Amino acid sequence: MSSNMIHATAIIAGGAQLGNEVAIGPYTIIEENVEIGDGCQIASQALIASGTRLGKNVKVHHGAVLGTIPQDLK
């Protein structure tokens, strides 16, 4: 049985797959075609873009953006 803790303001696409015991903070966006492993902790205001795969017990910090092109292309 999954015991995820998802903040009421988080937006999670219907096609996202969440493991067990996943914590998702306020104002976080998780797009379609995302897989989040068991025990992951995603802080507030993060963006997990389509195609991103996270293994078990990954910690994503406040304001992180995963799965998009980098801001600095140098």
C-alpha atoms as a PDB file:
ATOM      1  CA  MET A   1       0.000   0.000   0.000  1.00  0.00           C
ATOM      2  CA  SER A   2       1.306   3.431  -0.946  1.00  0.00           C
ATOM      3  CA  SER A   3       1.634   6.011   1.810  1.00  0.00           C
ATOM      4  CA  ASN A   4       2.574   9.090  -0.205  1.00  0.00           C
ATOM      5  CA  MET A   5       2.495  12.582   1.297  1.00  0.00           C
ATOM      6  CA  ILE A   6       1.464  15.031  -1.420  1.00  0.00           C
ATOM      7  CA  HIS A   7       0.824  18.690  -0.606  1.00  0.00           C
ATOM      8  CA  ALA A   8      -2.603  19.959  -1.693  1.00  0.00           C
ATOM      9  CA  THR A   9      -1.050  22.604  -3.992  1.00  0.00           C
ATOM     10  CA  ALA A  10       1.163  20.158  -5.909  1.00  0.00           C
ATOM     11  CA  ILE A  11       0.168  19.448  -9.522  1.00  0.00           C
ATOM     12  CA  ILE A  12       0.749  15.878 -10.630  1.00  0.00           C
ATOM     13  CA  ALA A  13      -0.139  14.748 -14.150  1.00  0.00           C
ATOM     14  CA  GLY A  14      -2.296  11.676 -14.479  1.00  0.00           C
ATOM     15  CA  GLY A  15       0.414   9.834 -16.414  1.00  0.00           C
ATOM     16  CA  ALA A  16       3.084  10.270 -13.722  1.00  0.00           C
ATOM     17  CA  GLN A  17       4.065   7.151 -11.790  1.00  0.00           C
ATOM     18  CA  LEU A  18       4.877   7.533  -8.100  1.00  0.00           C
ATOM     19  CA  GLY A  19       6.529   4.875  -5.962  1.00  0.00           C
ATOM     20  CA  ASN A  20       5.722   4.208  -2.316  1.00  0.00           C
ATOM     21  CA  GLU A  21       6.460   6.649   0.513  1.00  0.00           C
ATOM     22  CA  VAL A  22       7.044   9.601  -1.840  1.00  0.00           C
ATOM     23  CA  ALA A  23       6.822  13.126  -0.359  1.00  0.00           C
ATOM     24  CA  ILE A  24       5.943  16.044  -2.650  1.00  0.00           C
ATOM     25  CA  GLY A  25       6.051  19.622  -1.397  1.00  0.00           C
ATOM     26  CA  PRO A  26       3.919  22.701  -2.080  1.00  0.00           C
ATOM     27  CA  TYR A  27       3.604  24.130  -5.602  1.00  0.00           C
ATOM     28  CA  THR A  28       5.638  21.338  -7.177  1.00  0.00           C
ATOM     29  CA  ILE A  29       4.723  20.335 -10.742  1.00  0.00           C
ATOM     30  CA  ILE A  30       5.199  16.795 -12.008  1.00  0.00           C
ATOM     31  CA  GLU A  31       4.497  16.374 -15.714  1.00  0.00           C
ATOM     32  CA  GLU A  32       3.311  13.383 -17.764  1.00  0.00           C
ATOM     33  CA  ASN A  33       5.685  10.477 -18.418  1.00  0.00           C
ATOM     34  CA  VAL A  34       7.620  10.877 -15.138  1.00  0.00           C
ATOM     35  CA  GLU A  35       8.635   7.994 -12.872  1.00  0.00           C
ATOM     36  CA  ILE A  36       9.515   8.672  -9.238  1.00  0.00           C
ATOM     37  CA  GLY A  37      10.986   5.831  -7.199  1.00  0.00           C
ATOM     38  CA  ASP A  38      10.169   4.706  -3.679  1.00  0.00           C
ATOM     39  CA  GLY A  39      11.158   6.982  -0.819  1.00  0.00           C
ATOM     40  CA  CYS A  40      11.853  10.094  -2.911  1.00  0.00           C
ATOM     41  CA  GLN A  41      11.473  13.515  -1.312  1.00  0.00           C
ATOM     42  CA  ILE A  42      10.651  16.449  -3.571  1.00  0.00           C
ATOM     43  CA  ALA A  43      10.700  19.852  -1.904  1.00  0.00           C
ATOM     44  CA  SER A  44       8.555  22.880  -2.726  1.00  0.00           C
ATOM     45  CA  GLN A  45       8.300  24.646  -6.080  1.00  0.00           C
ATOM     46  CA  ALA A  46      10.181  21.989  -8.042  1.00  0.00           C
ATOM     47  CA  LEU A  47       9.475  21.097 -11.674  1.00  0.00           C
ATOM     48  CA  ILE A  48       9.941  17.496 -12.768  1.00  0.00           C
ATOM     49  CA  ALA A  49       9.575  17.569 -16.554  1.00  0.00           C
ATOM     50  CA  SER A  50       8.272  14.870 -18.880  1.00  0.00           C
ATOM     51  CA  GLY A  51      10.664  11.963 -19.419  1.00  0.00           C
ATOM     52  CA  THR A  52      12.429  12.287 -16.053  1.00  0.00           C
ATOM     53  CA  ARG A  53      13.177   9.087 -14.114  1.00  0.00           C
ATOM     54  CA  LEU A  54      14.182   9.163 -10.444  1.00  0.00           C
ATOM     55  CA  GLY A  55      15.495   6.081  -8.641  1.00  0.00           C
ATOM     56  CA  LYS A  56      14.861   5.226  -4.997  1.00  0.00           C
ATOM     57  CA  ASN A  57      15.422   7.686  -2.136  1.00  0.00           C
ATOM     58  CA  VAL A  58      16.320  10.702  -4.298  1.00  0.00           C
ATOM     59  CA  LYS A  59      16.068  14.147  -2.655  1.00  0.00           C
ATOM     60  CA  VAL A  60      15.100  17.057  -4.907  1.00  0.00           C
ATOM     61  CA  HIS A  61      15.602  20.448  -3.280  1.00  0.00           C
ATOM     62  CA  HIS A  62      13.471  23.619  -3.314  1.00  0.00           C
ATOM     63  CA  GLY A  63      13.112  25.240  -6.719  1.00  0.00           C
ATOM     64  CA  ALA A  64      14.920  22.500  -8.656  1.00  0.00           C
ATOM     65  CA  VAL A  65      14.109  21.906 -12.318  1.00  0.00           C
ATOM     66  CA  LEU A  66      14.786  18.427 -13.704  1.00  0.00           C
ATOM     67  CA  GLY A  67      14.434  17.134 -17.236  1.00  0.00           C
ATOM     68  CA  THR A  68      14.666  20.388 -19.213  1.00  0.00           C
ATOM     69  CA  ILE A  69      17.519  21.976 -21.140  1.00  0.00           C
ATOM     70  CA  PRO A  70      20.042  23.834 -18.940  1.00  0.00           C
ATOM     71  CA  GLN A  71      19.848  27.594 -18.523  1.00  0.00           C
ATOM     72  CA  ASP A  72      23.548  27.988 -19.297  1.00  0.00           C
ATOM     73  CA  LEU A  73      24.616  26.266 -22.508  1.00  0.00           C
ATOM     74  CA  LYS A  74      28.339  27.073 -22.228  1.00  0.00           C
END
